[in-house]
Protein backbone atom coordinates (compact mmCIF):
# COMPACT_ATOMS: atom_id res chain seq x y z
CA MET A 1 47.60 94.74 -66.38
CA VAL A 2 49.13 92.13 -64.08
CA ARG A 3 49.03 88.49 -65.06
CA VAL A 4 47.99 85.37 -63.13
CA LEU A 5 48.53 81.74 -64.10
CA ILE A 6 45.93 78.98 -63.99
CA CYS A 7 48.06 75.91 -63.30
CA GLY A 8 45.76 72.91 -63.64
CA ASP A 9 42.62 73.57 -65.63
CA LEU A 10 39.37 74.80 -64.16
CA VAL A 11 36.39 72.49 -64.60
CA TRP A 12 33.39 74.13 -62.95
CA ALA A 13 34.14 77.82 -62.35
CA HIS A 14 35.00 79.25 -65.78
CA ASN A 15 32.39 82.01 -65.60
CA GLU A 16 33.30 82.86 -62.02
CA CYS A 17 36.96 83.11 -63.02
CA ASP A 18 36.11 85.60 -65.76
CA GLU A 19 34.03 87.66 -63.33
CA LEU A 20 36.61 87.64 -60.54
CA PHE A 21 39.51 88.81 -62.69
CA HIS A 22 37.67 91.10 -65.11
CA GLY A 23 39.54 94.39 -65.11
CA VAL A 24 41.89 93.06 -62.43
CA ALA A 25 44.33 90.71 -64.16
CA GLU A 26 45.05 88.91 -67.38
CA VAL A 27 44.40 85.20 -66.89
CA VAL A 28 46.99 82.94 -68.53
CA ARG A 29 46.36 79.20 -68.71
CA MET A 30 49.27 76.81 -68.24
CA ASP A 31 49.49 74.56 -71.30
CA SER A 32 53.03 73.23 -70.91
CA PRO A 33 53.24 69.53 -71.77
CA ASP A 34 56.16 68.87 -69.44
CA ARG A 35 58.36 70.33 -66.72
CA ALA A 36 61.18 71.44 -69.02
CA GLU A 37 58.85 73.44 -71.25
CA PHE A 38 57.20 74.95 -68.17
CA PHE A 39 60.57 76.13 -66.84
CA ALA A 40 61.48 77.61 -70.21
CA SER A 41 58.18 79.49 -70.38
CA LEU A 42 58.76 81.03 -66.96
CA GLN A 43 61.91 82.79 -68.13
CA GLN A 44 62.03 86.42 -69.21
CA GLY A 45 60.21 86.77 -72.50
CA GLY A 46 58.41 83.43 -72.03
CA LYS A 47 54.65 83.05 -72.13
CA TYR A 48 54.42 82.99 -68.32
CA ASP A 49 56.85 85.86 -67.76
CA GLY A 50 55.65 88.48 -65.30
CA ILE A 51 52.97 86.44 -63.54
CA VAL A 52 52.32 87.67 -60.01
CA GLY A 53 50.14 84.83 -58.73
CA ILE A 54 49.27 81.22 -59.45
CA TYR A 55 46.09 79.19 -59.07
CA ARG A 56 47.27 75.60 -58.55
CA HIS A 57 45.44 72.28 -58.79
CA ASN A 58 47.04 68.88 -58.19
CA VAL A 59 46.19 67.79 -61.75
CA SER A 60 49.09 69.97 -62.91
CA THR A 61 51.40 67.38 -61.38
CA ASP A 62 50.66 65.10 -64.32
CA PHE A 63 52.50 67.54 -66.58
CA ILE A 64 54.99 69.58 -64.55
CA GLY A 65 55.39 67.58 -61.34
CA ILE A 66 54.95 68.81 -57.79
CA PHE A 67 55.84 72.31 -56.62
CA ASP A 68 59.10 71.18 -55.06
CA LYS A 69 62.13 73.32 -54.21
CA GLU A 70 63.41 73.14 -57.79
CA LEU A 71 60.15 74.33 -59.32
CA VAL A 72 59.69 77.08 -56.74
CA SER A 73 63.21 78.33 -57.48
CA LYS A 74 62.29 78.70 -61.16
CA LEU A 75 59.26 80.92 -60.54
CA PRO A 76 59.69 84.57 -61.56
CA SER A 77 60.51 86.94 -58.71
CA THR A 78 57.18 88.65 -59.42
CA VAL A 79 55.22 85.66 -58.06
CA LYS A 80 54.03 86.41 -54.52
CA TRP A 81 50.92 84.23 -54.07
CA ILE A 82 50.05 80.60 -54.80
CA ALA A 83 46.36 79.84 -54.35
CA HIS A 84 46.22 76.08 -54.00
CA ASN A 85 42.96 74.30 -54.71
CA GLY A 86 42.69 71.73 -51.92
CA ALA A 87 42.89 71.43 -48.16
CA GLY A 88 46.08 69.34 -48.20
CA TYR A 89 49.13 71.03 -49.69
CA ASP A 90 51.84 68.40 -49.27
CA GLN A 91 52.69 68.70 -52.98
CA ILE A 92 54.05 72.20 -52.39
CA ASP A 93 57.39 72.95 -50.73
CA VAL A 94 55.95 75.65 -48.50
CA LEU A 95 59.28 76.40 -46.81
CA ALA A 96 60.89 77.08 -50.20
CA CYS A 97 57.95 79.35 -51.01
CA LYS A 98 58.33 81.22 -47.74
CA ALA A 99 62.05 81.70 -48.36
CA ARG A 100 61.20 83.41 -51.65
CA GLY A 101 58.49 85.59 -50.16
CA ILE A 102 55.63 83.61 -51.72
CA THR A 103 52.48 83.10 -49.64
CA VAL A 104 50.47 79.90 -50.06
CA SER A 105 46.75 79.62 -49.40
CA ASN A 106 44.51 76.54 -49.50
CA THR A 107 40.77 75.83 -49.45
CA PRO A 108 39.99 74.24 -46.09
CA GLY A 109 36.30 74.97 -45.54
CA ALA A 110 35.24 74.13 -49.08
CA VAL A 111 36.17 70.46 -48.64
CA ASP A 112 34.64 69.88 -45.22
CA ASP A 113 31.24 68.46 -46.10
CA ALA A 114 32.29 66.16 -48.94
CA THR A 115 35.27 64.75 -47.05
CA ALA A 116 33.30 64.32 -43.82
CA THR A 117 30.51 62.42 -45.59
CA THR A 118 33.19 60.21 -47.16
CA GLY A 119 34.49 59.48 -43.68
CA LEU A 120 30.97 58.78 -42.46
CA TYR A 121 30.41 56.27 -45.26
CA LEU A 122 33.73 54.54 -44.54
CA MET A 123 32.92 54.33 -40.83
CA ILE A 124 29.44 52.91 -41.42
CA SER A 125 30.68 50.41 -43.98
CA ALA A 126 33.56 49.25 -41.80
CA LEU A 127 31.40 48.79 -38.70
CA ARG A 128 28.51 47.14 -40.56
CA CYS A 129 30.66 45.10 -43.00
CA PHE A 130 28.75 46.57 -45.94
CA ALA A 131 31.62 46.51 -48.46
CA HIS A 132 32.11 42.78 -47.95
CA ALA A 133 28.38 42.18 -48.23
CA GLU A 134 28.22 44.05 -51.53
CA GLN A 135 31.13 42.03 -52.89
CA ASP A 136 29.28 38.82 -51.99
CA LEU A 137 26.10 40.02 -53.63
CA ARG A 138 27.89 40.95 -56.85
CA ALA A 139 29.51 37.50 -56.85
CA GLY A 140 26.09 35.85 -56.61
CA LYS A 141 26.65 34.68 -53.03
CA TRP A 142 23.91 36.79 -51.40
CA LYS A 143 25.22 37.14 -47.80
CA ALA A 144 26.67 33.69 -47.34
CA SER A 145 29.90 34.86 -45.71
CA HIS A 146 28.39 37.58 -43.51
CA ARG A 147 28.85 37.06 -39.78
CA PRO A 148 26.63 39.31 -37.61
CA GLY A 149 29.14 38.90 -34.80
CA ASN A 150 31.61 40.97 -36.85
CA ALA A 151 29.14 43.80 -37.50
CA HIS A 152 28.22 46.62 -35.13
CA ASP A 153 25.72 49.45 -34.86
CA LEU A 154 27.03 53.00 -34.59
CA THR A 155 24.66 54.05 -31.82
CA ASP A 156 26.46 54.58 -28.49
CA ARG A 157 29.86 53.74 -30.01
CA THR A 158 32.80 56.06 -29.39
CA LEU A 159 34.28 57.97 -32.30
CA ALA A 160 37.77 59.36 -31.66
CA ILE A 161 38.76 62.15 -34.03
CA LEU A 162 42.45 62.79 -34.52
CA GLY A 163 42.57 66.45 -35.54
CA LEU A 164 39.39 68.47 -35.01
CA GLY A 165 39.69 70.87 -37.92
CA GLY A 166 36.86 71.69 -40.28
CA ILE A 167 36.55 68.16 -41.67
CA GLY A 168 36.85 66.49 -38.29
CA LEU A 169 34.26 68.80 -36.75
CA ARG A 170 31.81 68.22 -39.60
CA LEU A 171 32.20 64.45 -39.18
CA ALA A 172 31.63 64.89 -35.45
CA GLU A 173 28.35 66.71 -36.14
CA LEU A 174 27.17 63.96 -38.49
CA ALA A 175 28.14 61.10 -36.16
CA HIS A 176 26.68 62.79 -33.09
CA ALA A 177 23.23 62.37 -34.64
CA PHE A 178 23.25 58.57 -34.29
CA PRO A 179 24.15 59.32 -31.45
CA MET A 180 27.81 58.44 -31.07
CA ARG A 181 30.03 59.65 -28.28
CA ILE A 182 32.61 62.04 -29.73
CA VAL A 183 36.12 62.42 -28.34
CA TYR A 184 39.03 64.18 -29.99
CA HIS A 185 42.71 65.02 -29.83
CA SER A 186 44.28 68.09 -31.40
CA ARG A 187 47.38 70.09 -30.62
CA ARG A 188 45.16 72.28 -28.46
CA LYS A 189 41.54 72.38 -27.32
CA VAL A 190 39.27 73.75 -30.04
CA ALA A 191 37.51 76.79 -28.60
CA HIS A 192 34.43 76.58 -30.83
CA ALA A 193 33.93 72.82 -30.43
CA PRO A 194 30.51 71.83 -29.01
CA ASP A 195 30.32 70.77 -25.39
CA TRP A 196 29.61 67.18 -26.45
CA CYS A 197 33.06 66.95 -28.06
CA GLU A 198 35.35 65.70 -25.29
CA TYR A 199 38.94 66.92 -25.54
CA PHE A 200 41.91 64.67 -24.72
CA GLY A 201 45.27 66.43 -24.59
CA ALA A 202 48.63 64.84 -25.35
CA ASP A 203 48.88 63.61 -21.75
CA ARG A 204 45.61 61.68 -22.19
CA LEU A 205 46.00 60.46 -25.78
CA ASP A 206 46.49 56.84 -24.73
CA GLU A 207 43.35 57.06 -22.61
CA MET A 208 41.37 58.28 -25.63
CA LEU A 209 42.70 55.53 -27.88
CA ALA A 210 41.76 52.86 -25.35
CA GLN A 211 38.14 54.06 -25.42
CA ALA A 212 37.78 54.41 -29.20
CA ASP A 213 35.61 52.12 -31.28
CA VAL A 214 36.57 54.16 -34.32
CA LEU A 215 39.67 56.31 -34.87
CA SER A 216 39.13 58.80 -37.69
CA VAL A 217 42.32 60.48 -38.92
CA HIS A 218 42.30 64.15 -39.97
CA VAL A 219 45.96 65.11 -39.62
CA PRO A 220 47.67 67.12 -42.40
CA LEU A 221 50.74 65.51 -43.94
CA ARG A 222 53.98 67.25 -42.99
CA PRO A 223 57.45 65.86 -42.34
CA ASP A 224 56.65 65.69 -38.62
CA THR A 225 53.32 63.88 -39.14
CA GLU A 226 54.47 61.09 -41.45
CA HIS A 227 53.55 57.80 -39.72
CA PHE A 228 52.00 59.82 -36.89
CA VAL A 229 49.59 56.91 -36.47
CA ASP A 230 52.27 54.32 -35.85
CA GLU A 231 52.45 50.79 -34.47
CA LYS A 232 52.35 52.04 -30.89
CA MET A 233 49.25 54.17 -31.43
CA ILE A 234 47.44 51.41 -33.31
CA ARG A 235 48.13 48.91 -30.53
CA LYS A 236 46.76 51.37 -27.96
CA LEU A 237 43.36 51.07 -29.62
CA LYS A 238 40.98 48.54 -28.11
CA LYS A 239 40.86 45.18 -29.88
CA GLY A 240 38.33 45.26 -32.70
CA ALA A 241 38.53 49.01 -33.26
CA VAL A 242 38.21 50.52 -36.74
CA ILE A 243 40.54 53.06 -38.38
CA VAL A 244 39.18 55.54 -40.94
CA ASN A 245 41.56 57.68 -43.00
CA THR A 246 40.46 60.53 -45.26
CA ALA A 247 43.57 62.66 -44.60
CA ARG A 248 46.74 61.46 -46.33
CA GLY A 249 48.04 57.91 -46.69
CA LYS A 250 51.47 58.57 -45.24
CA VAL A 251 50.04 59.86 -41.96
CA ILE A 252 49.47 56.19 -41.05
CA ASP A 253 52.17 53.53 -40.92
CA GLU A 254 50.48 51.30 -43.49
CA ALA A 255 52.62 48.25 -42.68
CA ALA A 256 51.68 48.50 -39.00
CA MET A 257 48.02 48.87 -39.90
CA ILE A 258 48.15 45.78 -42.13
CA ARG A 259 49.81 43.76 -39.35
CA ALA A 260 46.99 44.78 -37.01
CA LEU A 261 44.43 43.62 -39.57
CA GLU A 262 46.27 40.34 -40.03
CA ASP A 263 46.35 39.44 -36.35
CA GLY A 264 42.83 40.69 -35.66
CA HIS A 265 43.71 43.63 -33.44
CA LEU A 266 41.82 45.91 -35.82
CA GLY A 267 38.24 44.98 -36.60
CA GLY A 268 38.32 46.81 -39.91
CA VAL A 269 39.47 49.88 -41.81
CA GLY A 270 37.90 52.47 -44.09
CA ILE A 271 40.53 53.99 -46.37
CA ASP A 272 40.25 56.77 -48.97
CA VAL A 273 43.93 57.76 -49.19
CA TYR A 274 47.13 55.80 -49.75
CA PRO A 275 50.89 56.43 -49.37
CA ASN A 276 51.76 56.15 -53.07
CA GLU A 277 48.62 57.04 -55.01
CA PRO A 278 47.38 55.82 -57.38
CA GLU A 279 49.14 52.62 -56.30
CA VAL A 280 47.31 50.59 -53.66
CA ASN A 281 49.05 47.97 -51.56
CA PRO A 282 47.59 44.69 -52.94
CA ARG A 283 47.60 43.23 -49.43
CA LEU A 284 44.75 45.58 -48.53
CA LEU A 285 42.60 44.02 -51.22
CA ASP A 286 42.75 40.68 -49.41
CA PHE A 287 40.91 41.89 -46.30
CA PRO A 288 37.12 41.49 -46.41
CA ASN A 289 36.87 43.95 -43.52
CA ALA A 290 38.55 46.76 -45.48
CA THR A 291 36.36 49.35 -47.18
CA LEU A 292 38.51 51.00 -49.84
CA LEU A 293 37.87 54.07 -52.01
CA PRO A 294 40.16 55.65 -54.65
CA HIS A 295 40.56 59.09 -52.98
CA MET A 296 36.93 60.10 -53.48
CA GLY A 297 36.81 62.66 -50.66
CA THR A 298 36.04 65.73 -52.76
CA GLU A 299 34.95 64.07 -55.98
CA THR A 300 31.65 65.90 -56.34
CA CYS A 301 30.81 68.73 -58.73
CA ASP A 302 29.43 70.77 -55.84
CA SER A 303 32.54 70.66 -53.68
CA GLN A 304 34.95 71.01 -56.59
CA LYS A 305 33.21 74.17 -57.77
CA LYS A 306 33.33 75.59 -54.23
CA MET A 307 37.03 74.77 -54.05
CA GLU A 308 37.79 76.39 -57.40
CA ILE A 309 35.91 79.57 -56.48
CA ARG A 310 37.53 79.77 -53.06
CA ALA A 311 41.06 79.39 -54.45
CA LEU A 312 40.38 81.92 -57.23
CA THR A 313 38.91 84.35 -54.70
CA ASN A 314 42.01 84.07 -52.51
CA LEU A 315 44.15 84.96 -55.52
CA ARG A 316 41.86 87.84 -56.56
CA ASP A 317 41.85 89.21 -53.00
CA TYR A 318 45.63 89.21 -52.97
CA LEU A 319 45.58 91.39 -56.09
CA THR A 320 42.86 93.77 -54.89
CA LYS A 321 43.40 93.82 -51.12
CA GLY A 322 47.04 92.86 -50.74
CA GLN A 323 46.19 89.57 -49.02
CA GLY A 324 43.87 86.63 -49.56
CA SER A 325 42.28 84.36 -46.98
CA ASP A 326 43.12 80.78 -45.97
CA ILE A 327 46.85 81.36 -45.54
CA ILE A 328 48.43 78.06 -44.51
CA PRO A 329 49.68 77.84 -40.89
CA GLU A 330 53.37 77.71 -41.92
CA HIS A 331 53.03 81.14 -43.53
CA LYS A 332 51.11 82.88 -40.74
CA GLN A 333 54.10 83.43 -38.51
């Protein structure tokens, strides 16, 4: 029987894992305490020898590091599928995987609702100054420092979504209920987007930014998208606009964003992701108009179970059908 490796422990889907792989594959759990031991165990005769697929969760990074070019080069030649648990896969060198004939899948749809509701909370808090108000209350100040002139309703405001994938579209649906006007920019027009989502192509991106009360970022982190939201883009936003980021910290030029908060160009930010997690730039903590979360996007039992099952199913389907779903764009060509 073929063998698959669980790299990063399951939390919610133990029974589902047993059911999915019963009679299909032997499930081996990665218990290496460090990278060196992991590499040794991958060699012929080691406890991970002969694995054909890997279920991967980011928690494995705490023990064996990211799936960089070095780690990918150490994988047995039998490995042909990595089922990553998560929408973002910037901790995997996908080009190195492709060069070795390894396909990578992720779990995009399973994260949509939890991440979108995180973005919705950040947007509401940033516009209404709720985070600052809560800090005052906890300090026994009631709402002494609240200024209604700095707070805004969501109704009839314009939400600009940068990247209308599953998460961005779900946020659009939630915000449309207020109602907010929804505009978006993606590499191309999204065919299944509702009519009330207004598309702005690359030639009209500046026009979209100038109209946005809120810019919500949903761009995957790749070498070409690092600092995609740069000083120039931030300054194209109208004065007093809010930036929300539930994507990846490095997609935004954090220094440029902080400068825009300092001089008042930005009215606030709602941030769930940071460039060097778990480190947070202490300067951000000084801004009362910054709502900050410690990467809480998918931190619910419901979404995490869905993510685990979806990643495991992709791996099982590779074994039984020759291909799983959710293949990342870089591996579809």
